[in-house]
Amino acid sequence: MPALKIDLYSDIVCPWCAIGQHRLDKVLSERFPTLEVDVEHHPFELHPTAPPEGYKLADYFVSRGFDIANEGAIFAKPEAEARTSGLELKLSFERQPLIFRTVHAHTLLRHARGRGTQGALAKAFMHAFFVDGRNVSDKDGLADIATKHGFAHAEAAAILADPYEQAESEKRIAASREKGVRTVPTFDIGGLVMGGGSEDQIADAIAQRRAP
C-alpha cells in the first residue's frame, strides 16, 4: 500500500506553523499510528526582505497596524491555540525581539529530507527561534543545530556557503507561491489542500485521503 503523501508548506519563524506541525505529528501518532505517511516540508518565507541581522518584531506589527502597547492581545490567540494541543508556546517582543530571513534554514531542510530528519530539524530550528531567541539566519548557528540531525558541521557549512544552494532555495520558495500558497501552514494531504486547521480537521482530511 503506498504511503499517504502530505506536503507541508511552512516557515520556521511562524508560530502557526509550529502549531500546525505539532498538530500533524500528534494526529498521526495518536489517531493513525499504523498509517504509512510521507511528510515533505516545502519552503515559504514570511520575511524575505529582512536584513541578515533581522529587524524588530515590534516594528513589523506596527507596520501592520497593530497596537503594540497591547502586546498580550497580539499573542493571545496563537498561545491559546497551542495550549489546546499541548504545546507550550510563549510569544513576546522580549522573547522573540527580531525576525529574520529563513532561506538558509530552508536550504538545510531540503537536504535533510534525504536523511530522514526533515521534520525533526524543522522543529529544532523553531525551538532555536521561539524558545532560545536565536538568529535563525546565522549560517554557523544553523550548521550547529544541523549536526544533531544527520549533518557534519563542515558539510552543513559548505552547503550554506554555496551560492547555487541559496539560489535553488529561492527558486523553491517562489514555486510555493506560484502554487498558490499565500498563508502558512498550508497542508496538501493527498491532494486535499487546507490552510492550517484543528486536530480534528487534520484528522478528517487524513481519513478522507488515506488509501482504503
Protein backbone atom coordinates (compact mmCIF):
# COMPACT_ATOMS: atom_id res chain seq x y z
CA MET A 1 0.00 0.00 0.00
CA PRO A 2 1.54 3.36 -0.98
CA ALA A 3 2.26 5.91 1.73
CA LEU A 4 -0.08 8.87 2.07
CA LYS A 5 1.80 11.94 0.80
CA ILE A 6 1.47 15.03 2.95
CA ASP A 7 3.08 18.24 1.71
CA LEU A 8 3.58 20.86 4.43
CA TYR A 9 4.32 24.45 3.44
CA SER A 10 5.67 26.39 6.40
CA ASP A 11 8.25 28.80 7.78
CA ILE A 12 10.27 28.27 10.93
CA VAL A 13 9.55 31.77 12.32
CA CYS A 14 5.78 31.32 12.02
CA PRO A 15 4.04 30.44 15.32
CA TRP A 16 1.05 28.99 13.46
CA CYS A 17 3.47 26.70 11.59
CA ALA A 18 4.89 25.44 14.87
CA ILE A 19 1.33 24.71 15.98
CA GLY A 20 0.45 23.09 12.66
CA GLN A 21 3.46 20.78 12.62
CA HIS A 22 2.85 19.82 16.26
CA ARG A 23 -0.78 19.03 15.49
CA LEU A 24 0.09 16.98 12.43
CA ASP A 25 2.63 14.92 14.38
CA LYS A 26 0.16 14.47 17.25
CA VAL A 27 -2.70 13.39 14.99
CA LEU A 28 -0.52 10.90 13.13
CA SER A 29 0.91 9.35 16.30
CA GLU A 30 -2.35 9.23 18.27
CA ARG A 31 -5.02 8.56 15.64
CA PHE A 32 -3.16 6.92 12.77
CA PRO A 33 -0.25 5.09 14.40
CA THR A 34 -0.03 2.39 11.72
CA LEU A 35 -0.61 4.62 8.69
CA GLU A 36 2.31 4.89 6.28
CA VAL A 37 2.88 8.58 5.52
CA ASP A 38 5.45 10.60 3.63
CA VAL A 39 5.57 14.13 5.04
CA GLU A 40 7.59 16.57 2.95
CA HIS A 41 8.37 20.11 4.07
CA HIS A 42 8.29 22.85 1.45
CA PRO A 43 9.79 26.33 1.90
CA PHE A 44 7.88 29.55 2.44
CA GLU A 45 9.41 32.82 3.63
CA LEU A 46 7.34 35.23 5.68
CA HIS A 47 10.04 37.92 5.75
CA PRO A 48 12.10 37.69 2.53
CA THR A 49 13.32 41.30 2.81
CA ALA A 50 14.67 41.06 6.35
CA PRO A 51 18.37 42.00 6.64
CA PRO A 52 20.89 39.41 7.92
CA GLU A 53 20.77 40.92 11.41
CA GLY A 54 16.98 40.82 11.43
CA TYR A 55 14.55 43.59 12.21
CA LYS A 56 12.38 44.32 15.20
CA LEU A 57 9.26 42.22 15.56
CA ALA A 58 7.54 45.17 17.21
CA ASP A 59 8.22 47.33 14.15
CA TYR A 60 6.71 44.65 11.94
CA PHE A 61 3.47 44.68 13.94
CA VAL A 62 3.36 48.49 13.88
CA SER A 63 3.67 48.35 10.09
CA ARG A 64 0.66 46.02 10.05
CA GLY A 65 -1.43 48.46 12.10
CA PHE A 66 -1.29 46.67 15.48
CA ASP A 67 -1.24 48.49 18.81
CA ILE A 68 1.94 47.05 20.31
CA ALA A 69 1.06 48.54 23.70
CA ASN A 70 -1.47 45.71 23.93
CA GLU A 71 1.13 43.01 23.50
CA GLY A 72 -0.88 40.35 25.31
CA ALA A 73 -3.77 40.67 22.88
CA ILE A 74 -1.46 40.29 19.87
CA PHE A 75 -0.13 36.92 21.01
CA ALA A 76 -3.10 35.58 22.98
CA LYS A 77 -4.70 33.60 20.15
CA PRO A 78 -1.69 31.57 18.95
CA GLU A 79 -0.64 30.88 22.54
CA ALA A 80 -4.15 29.66 23.38
CA GLU A 81 -4.37 27.54 20.23
CA ALA A 82 -1.01 25.96 21.03
CA ARG A 83 -2.17 25.05 24.54
CA THR A 84 -5.24 23.25 23.19
CA SER A 85 -2.85 20.79 21.53
CA GLY A 86 -0.44 20.51 24.45
CA LEU A 87 2.21 22.82 23.00
CA GLU A 88 3.68 25.45 25.27
CA LEU A 89 4.36 28.47 23.07
CA LYS A 90 5.35 31.73 24.76
CA LEU A 91 5.41 34.75 22.48
CA SER A 92 6.51 38.30 23.25
CA PHE A 93 8.60 41.14 21.91
CA GLU A 94 11.18 40.26 24.55
CA ARG A 95 11.36 36.53 23.81
CA GLN A 96 11.45 36.95 20.02
CA PRO A 97 12.73 40.51 19.58
CA LEU A 98 13.86 40.11 15.97
CA ILE A 99 12.58 38.38 12.86
CA PHE A 100 14.83 37.01 10.15
CA ARG A 101 15.04 35.63 6.67
CA THR A 102 14.88 31.84 6.67
CA VAL A 103 16.23 30.94 3.23
CA HIS A 104 19.33 29.30 4.74
CA ALA A 105 17.26 27.20 7.14
CA HIS A 106 15.13 26.08 4.21
CA THR A 107 18.29 25.07 2.35
CA LEU A 108 19.30 22.68 5.13
CA LEU A 109 15.73 21.42 5.45
CA ARG A 110 15.77 20.50 1.76
CA HIS A 111 18.92 18.44 2.27
CA ALA A 112 17.53 16.91 5.45
CA ARG A 113 14.75 15.17 3.52
CA GLY A 114 17.17 12.58 2.11
CA ARG A 115 18.47 11.97 5.63
CA GLY A 116 15.03 11.37 7.08
CA THR A 117 15.44 14.24 9.55
CA GLN A 118 13.43 17.00 7.89
CA GLY A 119 10.62 17.17 10.45
CA ALA A 120 12.95 16.96 13.44
CA LEU A 121 15.25 19.63 12.02
CA ALA A 122 12.32 21.97 11.35
CA LYS A 123 11.26 21.60 14.98
CA ALA A 124 14.83 22.22 16.13
CA PHE A 125 15.00 25.43 14.11
CA MET A 126 11.64 26.54 15.55
CA HIS A 127 12.90 25.82 19.07
CA ALA A 128 16.00 27.89 18.36
CA PHE A 129 13.82 30.84 17.34
CA PHE A 130 10.81 30.64 19.66
CA VAL A 131 12.49 29.33 22.81
CA ASP A 132 16.13 30.37 22.55
CA GLY A 133 15.58 33.63 20.62
CA ARG A 134 18.44 32.81 18.27
CA ASN A 135 19.27 34.41 14.94
CA VAL A 136 17.98 31.74 12.57
CA SER A 137 19.58 33.41 9.56
CA ASP A 138 23.07 32.87 11.01
CA LYS A 139 24.73 30.17 8.94
CA ASP A 140 27.14 28.97 11.60
CA GLY A 141 24.34 28.66 14.16
CA LEU A 142 22.20 26.72 11.70
CA ALA A 143 25.09 24.37 10.98
CA ASP A 144 25.49 23.76 14.71
CA ILE A 145 21.84 22.77 15.02
CA ALA A 146 22.05 20.56 11.94
CA THR A 147 24.83 18.45 13.48
CA LYS A 148 22.18 16.78 15.68
CA HIS A 149 20.09 15.91 12.63
CA GLY A 150 22.27 13.99 10.21
CA PHE A 151 24.86 16.58 9.14
CA ALA A 152 28.51 17.08 9.89
CA HIS A 153 29.20 20.73 10.71
CA ALA A 154 31.61 21.16 7.81
CA GLU A 155 29.11 19.60 5.43
CA ALA A 156 26.28 21.88 6.54
CA ALA A 157 28.57 24.92 6.39
CA ALA A 158 29.65 24.02 2.85
CA ILE A 159 26.03 23.69 1.72
CA LEU A 160 25.21 27.10 3.16
CA ALA A 161 28.28 28.70 1.58
CA ASP A 162 27.30 27.53 -1.91
CA PRO A 163 25.50 30.28 -3.91
CA TYR A 164 23.82 27.60 -6.03
CA GLU A 165 22.15 26.16 -2.94
CA GLN A 166 20.67 29.51 -1.92
CA ALA A 167 19.52 30.12 -5.50
CA GLU A 168 17.79 26.74 -5.51
CA SER A 169 16.05 27.56 -2.23
CA GLU A 170 14.95 30.93 -3.59
CA LYS A 171 13.53 29.14 -6.64
CA ARG A 172 11.60 26.69 -4.48
CA ILE A 173 10.26 29.45 -2.26
CA ALA A 174 8.98 31.20 -5.39
CA ALA A 175 7.49 27.90 -6.58
CA SER A 176 5.46 27.63 -3.37
CA ARG A 177 3.87 31.00 -4.10
CA GLU A 178 3.32 30.04 -7.72
CA LYS A 179 1.35 27.03 -6.47
CA GLY A 180 -0.98 29.48 -4.74
CA VAL A 181 0.36 29.21 -1.21
CA ARG A 182 -0.26 32.56 0.45
CA THR A 183 -0.52 31.69 4.13
CA VAL A 184 1.26 29.12 6.26
CA PRO A 185 0.97 26.47 7.39
CA THR A 186 -0.67 25.02 4.30
CA PHE A 187 -1.23 21.28 4.15
CA ASP A 188 -1.68 19.27 0.97
CA ILE A 189 -2.93 15.94 2.27
CA GLY A 190 -3.15 13.58 -0.65
CA GLY A 191 -4.44 16.39 -2.86
CA LEU A 192 -6.75 17.93 -0.26
CA VAL A 193 -5.37 21.41 0.42
CA MET A 194 -6.12 23.20 3.68
CA GLY A 195 -4.67 26.19 5.48
CA GLY A 196 -3.89 25.04 8.98
CA GLY A 197 -6.72 23.54 10.95
CA SER A 198 -7.60 21.96 14.25
CA GLU A 199 -6.54 18.44 15.17
CA ASP A 200 -9.98 17.18 14.20
CA GLN A 201 -9.84 18.94 10.82
CA ILE A 202 -6.39 17.50 10.08
CA ALA A 203 -7.57 14.05 11.14
CA ASP A 204 -10.68 14.31 8.94
CA ALA A 205 -8.55 15.22 5.92
CA ILE A 206 -6.21 12.29 6.54
CA ALA A 207 -9.14 9.92 6.95
CA GLN A 208 -10.61 11.10 3.64
CA ARG A 209 -7.38 10.71 1.71
CA ARG A 210 -5.80 7.60 3.14
CA ALA A 211 -5.89 4.51 0.97
CA PRO A 212 -8.78 2.15 1.76
